[in-house]
Amino acid sequence: VQLQASGGGLVQAGGSLRLSCASSEQTFSNYHIGWFRQAQGKEREFVAAITWHGNSQYYAESVKGRLTISRDNAKKAVYLQMNSLKPEDTDIYYCAAKSTILTITPETLRQRAFYSYWGQGTQVTVSS
């Protein structure tokens, strides 16, 4: 499964960006999708996740209320709407995918190790 993350850029604090994670995978609608971010020299951390059907979304505490994850399975895409951006949101953002028939917990979706496929990342820079 190939994932293409896009939409990053340079924005001032308080501004907005919309990241996209696109795939050509025919069974994309079967995949749970997560967004993670990583700064140089730091571990990749969970940002948000959405279940395959789109009915459940989960967020890191640091972004709750500012970021919104959504998906359009017909377009084989997941989006991360980022509002009220802060300089500390500056990172490379990665999307990741996993398909499973098992029942999963919200905590599972927050784990990097859960995901089988990763996109290449898109840089988000927020200036103060």
C-alpha atoms as a PDB file:
ATOM      1  CA  VAL A   1       0.000   0.000   0.000  1.00  0.00           C
ATOM      2  CA  GLN A   2       1.484   3.316  -1.062  1.00  0.00           C
ATOM      3  CA  LEU A   3       0.580   6.464   0.800  1.00  0.00           C
ATOM      4  CA  GLN A   4       1.261   9.986  -0.395  1.00  0.00           C
ATOM      5  CA  ALA A   5       1.218  12.753   2.192  1.00  0.00           C
ATOM      6  CA  SER A   6       0.920  16.333   0.980  1.00  0.00           C
ATOM      7  CA  GLY A   7      -0.262  19.786   1.984  1.00  0.00           C
ATOM      8  CA  GLY A   8       2.531  20.858   4.275  1.00  0.00           C
ATOM      9  CA  GLY A   9       4.101  24.282   4.113  1.00  0.00           C
ATOM     10  CA  LEU A  10       5.091  27.414   5.965  1.00  0.00           C
ATOM     11  CA  VAL A  11       2.386  29.228   7.917  1.00  0.00           C
ATOM     12  CA  GLN A  12       2.287  31.851  10.630  1.00  0.00           C
ATOM     13  CA  ALA A  13       1.167  31.006  14.136  1.00  0.00           C
ATOM     14  CA  GLY A  14      -2.620  30.954  14.304  1.00  0.00           C
ATOM     15  CA  GLY A  15      -2.883  29.922  10.678  1.00  0.00           C
ATOM     16  CA  SER A  16      -4.257  26.777   9.073  1.00  0.00           C
ATOM     17  CA  LEU A  17      -3.135  23.967   6.827  1.00  0.00           C
ATOM     18  CA  ARG A  18      -4.873  20.912   5.431  1.00  0.00           C
ATOM     19  CA  LEU A  19      -2.804  17.796   5.022  1.00  0.00           C
ATOM     20  CA  SER A  20      -3.863  14.994   2.714  1.00  0.00           C
ATOM     21  CA  CYS A  21      -2.943  11.331   2.687  1.00  0.00           C
ATOM     22  CA  ALA A  22      -3.821   9.742  -0.637  1.00  0.00           C
ATOM     23  CA  SER A  23      -3.578   6.192  -1.899  1.00  0.00           C
ATOM     24  CA  SER A  24      -4.326   4.256  -5.043  1.00  0.00           C
ATOM     25  CA  GLU A  25      -5.037   1.133  -3.016  1.00  0.00           C
ATOM     26  CA  GLN A  26      -8.376  -0.331  -4.101  1.00  0.00           C
ATOM     27  CA  THR A  27      -9.164  -1.568  -0.599  1.00  0.00           C
ATOM     28  CA  PHE A  28      -8.246   1.755   1.040  1.00  0.00           C
ATOM     29  CA  SER A  29     -11.603   1.829   2.827  1.00  0.00           C
ATOM     30  CA  ASN A  30     -10.482  -1.223   4.832  1.00  0.00           C
ATOM     31  CA  TYR A  31      -7.579   0.620   6.418  1.00  0.00           C
ATOM     32  CA  HIS A  32      -7.298   2.460   9.691  1.00  0.00           C
ATOM     33  CA  ILE A  33      -5.237   5.613   9.145  1.00  0.00           C
ATOM     34  CA  GLY A  34      -3.026   7.451  11.575  1.00  0.00           C
ATOM     35  CA  TRP A  35      -1.106  10.718  11.441  1.00  0.00           C
ATOM     36  CA  PHE A  36       2.175  11.003  13.280  1.00  0.00           C
ATOM     37  CA  ARG A  37       4.799  13.724  13.468  1.00  0.00           C
ATOM     38  CA  GLN A  38       8.489  13.799  14.081  1.00  0.00           C
ATOM     39  CA  ALA A  39      11.023  16.491  14.765  1.00  0.00           C
ATOM     40  CA  GLN A  40      14.689  15.943  14.061  1.00  0.00           C
ATOM     41  CA  GLY A  41      16.271  13.927  16.820  1.00  0.00           C
ATOM     42  CA  LYS A  42      12.986  13.049  18.432  1.00  0.00           C
ATOM     43  CA  GLU A  43      10.723  10.044  18.358  1.00  0.00           C
ATOM     44  CA  ARG A  44       7.784   9.943  16.008  1.00  0.00           C
ATOM     45  CA  GLU A  45       4.662  10.767  17.997  1.00  0.00           C
ATOM     46  CA  PHE A  46       0.980  10.151  17.522  1.00  0.00           C
ATOM     47  CA  VAL A  47      -1.194  13.024  16.313  1.00  0.00           C
ATOM     48  CA  ALA A  48      -4.553  11.623  15.203  1.00  0.00           C
ATOM     49  CA  ALA A  49      -6.211   8.481  13.887  1.00  0.00           C
ATOM     50  CA  ILE A  50      -9.421   7.486  12.166  1.00  0.00           C
ATOM     51  CA  THR A  51     -10.971   4.058  11.887  1.00  0.00           C
ATOM     52  CA  TRP A  52     -11.647   2.398   8.551  1.00  0.00           C
ATOM     53  CA  HIS A  53     -15.324   3.370   8.546  1.00  0.00           C
ATOM     54  CA  GLY A  54     -14.598   6.910   9.686  1.00  0.00           C
ATOM     55  CA  ASN A  55     -16.927   6.683  12.662  1.00  0.00           C
ATOM     56  CA  SER A  56     -14.236   7.090  15.299  1.00  0.00           C
ATOM     57  CA  GLN A  57     -11.447   9.639  15.562  1.00  0.00           C
ATOM     58  CA  TYR A  58      -8.741   9.939  18.168  1.00  0.00           C
ATOM     59  CA  TYR A  59      -6.331  12.753  18.954  1.00  0.00           C
ATOM     60  CA  ALA A  60      -3.256  13.511  20.983  1.00  0.00           C
ATOM     61  CA  GLU A  61      -4.050  15.817  23.868  1.00  0.00           C
ATOM     62  CA  SER A  62      -1.732  18.479  22.463  1.00  0.00           C
ATOM     63  CA  VAL A  63      -3.803  18.878  19.283  1.00  0.00           C
ATOM     64  CA  LYS A  64      -7.318  18.184  20.512  1.00  0.00           C
ATOM     65  CA  GLY A  65      -9.687  20.969  19.512  1.00  0.00           C
ATOM     66  CA  ARG A  66      -7.314  22.350  16.874  1.00  0.00           C
ATOM     67  CA  LEU A  67      -6.841  19.434  14.467  1.00  0.00           C
ATOM     68  CA  THR A  68      -9.561  17.403  12.784  1.00  0.00           C
ATOM     69  CA  ILE A  69      -9.064  14.101  10.977  1.00  0.00           C
ATOM     70  CA  SER A  70     -11.528  12.965   8.333  1.00  0.00           C
ATOM     71  CA  ARG A  71     -11.653  10.602   5.385  1.00  0.00           C
ATOM     72  CA  ASP A  72     -13.268  10.231   1.991  1.00  0.00           C
ATOM     73  CA  ASN A  73     -13.082   6.581   1.038  1.00  0.00           C
ATOM     74  CA  ALA A  74     -14.492   7.257  -2.419  1.00  0.00           C
ATOM     75  CA  LYS A  75     -11.451   9.463  -3.080  1.00  0.00           C
ATOM     76  CA  LYS A  76      -9.131   7.111  -1.173  1.00  0.00           C
ATOM     77  CA  ALA A  77      -7.935   9.964   1.001  1.00  0.00           C
ATOM     78  CA  VAL A  78      -7.638  11.009   4.617  1.00  0.00           C
ATOM     79  CA  TYR A  79      -7.321  14.636   5.659  1.00  0.00           C
ATOM     80  CA  LEU A  80      -5.900  16.442   8.643  1.00  0.00           C
ATOM     81  CA  GLN A  81      -7.317  19.931   9.019  1.00  0.00           C
ATOM     82  CA  MET A  82      -4.930  21.927  11.174  1.00  0.00           C
ATOM     83  CA  ASN A  83      -6.208  25.172  12.708  1.00  0.00           C
ATOM     84  CA  SER A  84      -4.772  27.575  15.281  1.00  0.00           C
ATOM     85  CA  LEU A  85      -1.307  26.285  14.507  1.00  0.00           C
ATOM     86  CA  LYS A  86       1.490  26.867  16.995  1.00  0.00           C
ATOM     87  CA  PRO A  87       5.272  26.946  16.491  1.00  0.00           C
ATOM     88  CA  GLU A  88       5.479  23.705  18.459  1.00  0.00           C
ATOM     89  CA  ASP A  89       3.442  22.022  15.716  1.00  0.00           C
ATOM     90  CA  THR A  90       6.483  22.350  13.432  1.00  0.00           C
ATOM     91  CA  ASP A  91       7.426  18.821  12.392  1.00  0.00           C
ATOM     92  CA  ILE A  92       7.395  16.381   9.524  1.00  0.00           C
ATOM     93  CA  TYR A  93       3.956  14.786   9.384  1.00  0.00           C
ATOM     94  CA  TYR A  94       3.512  11.181   8.290  1.00  0.00           C
ATOM     95  CA  CYS A  95       0.410   9.184   7.521  1.00  0.00           C
ATOM     96  CA  ALA A  96       0.259   5.452   8.175  1.00  0.00           C
ATOM     97  CA  ALA A  97      -2.163   2.637   7.399  1.00  0.00           C
ATOM     98  CA  LYS A  98      -3.179  -0.715   8.794  1.00  0.00           C
ATOM     99  CA  SER A  99      -5.867  -3.175   7.819  1.00  0.00           C
ATOM    100  CA  THR A 100      -7.041  -5.697  10.368  1.00  0.00           C
ATOM    101  CA  ILE A 101     -10.130  -7.767  11.081  1.00  0.00           C
ATOM    102  CA  LEU A 102      -9.358  -7.697  14.776  1.00  0.00           C
ATOM    103  CA  THR A 103     -11.183  -5.439  17.194  1.00  0.00           C
ATOM    104  CA  ILE A 104      -8.863  -2.632  18.115  1.00  0.00           C
ATOM    105  CA  THR A 105      -8.738  -0.191  20.973  1.00  0.00           C
ATOM    106  CA  PRO A 106      -8.087   3.552  20.805  1.00  0.00           C
ATOM    107  CA  GLU A 107      -4.755   2.931  22.478  1.00  0.00           C
ATOM    108  CA  THR A 108      -3.780   0.535  19.678  1.00  0.00           C
ATOM    109  CA  LEU A 109      -4.325   3.243  17.076  1.00  0.00           C
ATOM    110  CA  ARG A 110      -1.890   5.492  18.963  1.00  0.00           C
ATOM    111  CA  GLN A 111       0.993   3.025  18.617  1.00  0.00           C
ATOM    112  CA  ARG A 112       3.536   3.418  15.790  1.00  0.00           C
ATOM    113  CA  ALA A 113       4.107  -0.339  15.775  1.00  0.00           C
ATOM    114  CA  PHE A 114       0.461  -1.005  14.885  1.00  0.00           C
ATOM    115  CA  TYR A 115       0.796   0.429  11.388  1.00  0.00           C
ATOM    116  CA  SER A 116       2.120  -1.560   8.440  1.00  0.00           C
ATOM    117  CA  TYR A 117       2.497   1.137   5.812  1.00  0.00           C
ATOM    118  CA  TRP A 118       3.902   4.669   5.967  1.00  0.00           C
ATOM    119  CA  GLY A 119       3.935   7.632   3.634  1.00  0.00           C
ATOM    120  CA  GLN A 120       6.991   9.748   2.962  1.00  0.00           C
ATOM    121  CA  GLY A 121       6.083  12.719   5.169  1.00  0.00           C
ATOM    122  CA  THR A 122       5.259  16.355   4.566  1.00  0.00           C
ATOM    123  CA  GLN A 123       6.944  19.269   6.333  1.00  0.00           C
ATOM    124  CA  VAL A 124       4.871  21.676   8.406  1.00  0.00           C
ATOM    125  CA  THR A 125       6.608  24.823   9.629  1.00  0.00           C
ATOM    126  CA  VAL A 126       4.833  27.317  11.867  1.00  0.00           C
ATOM    127  CA  SER A 127       6.546  30.655  12.389  1.00  0.00           C
ATOM    128  CA  SER A 128       5.988  32.771  15.462  1.00  0.00           C
END
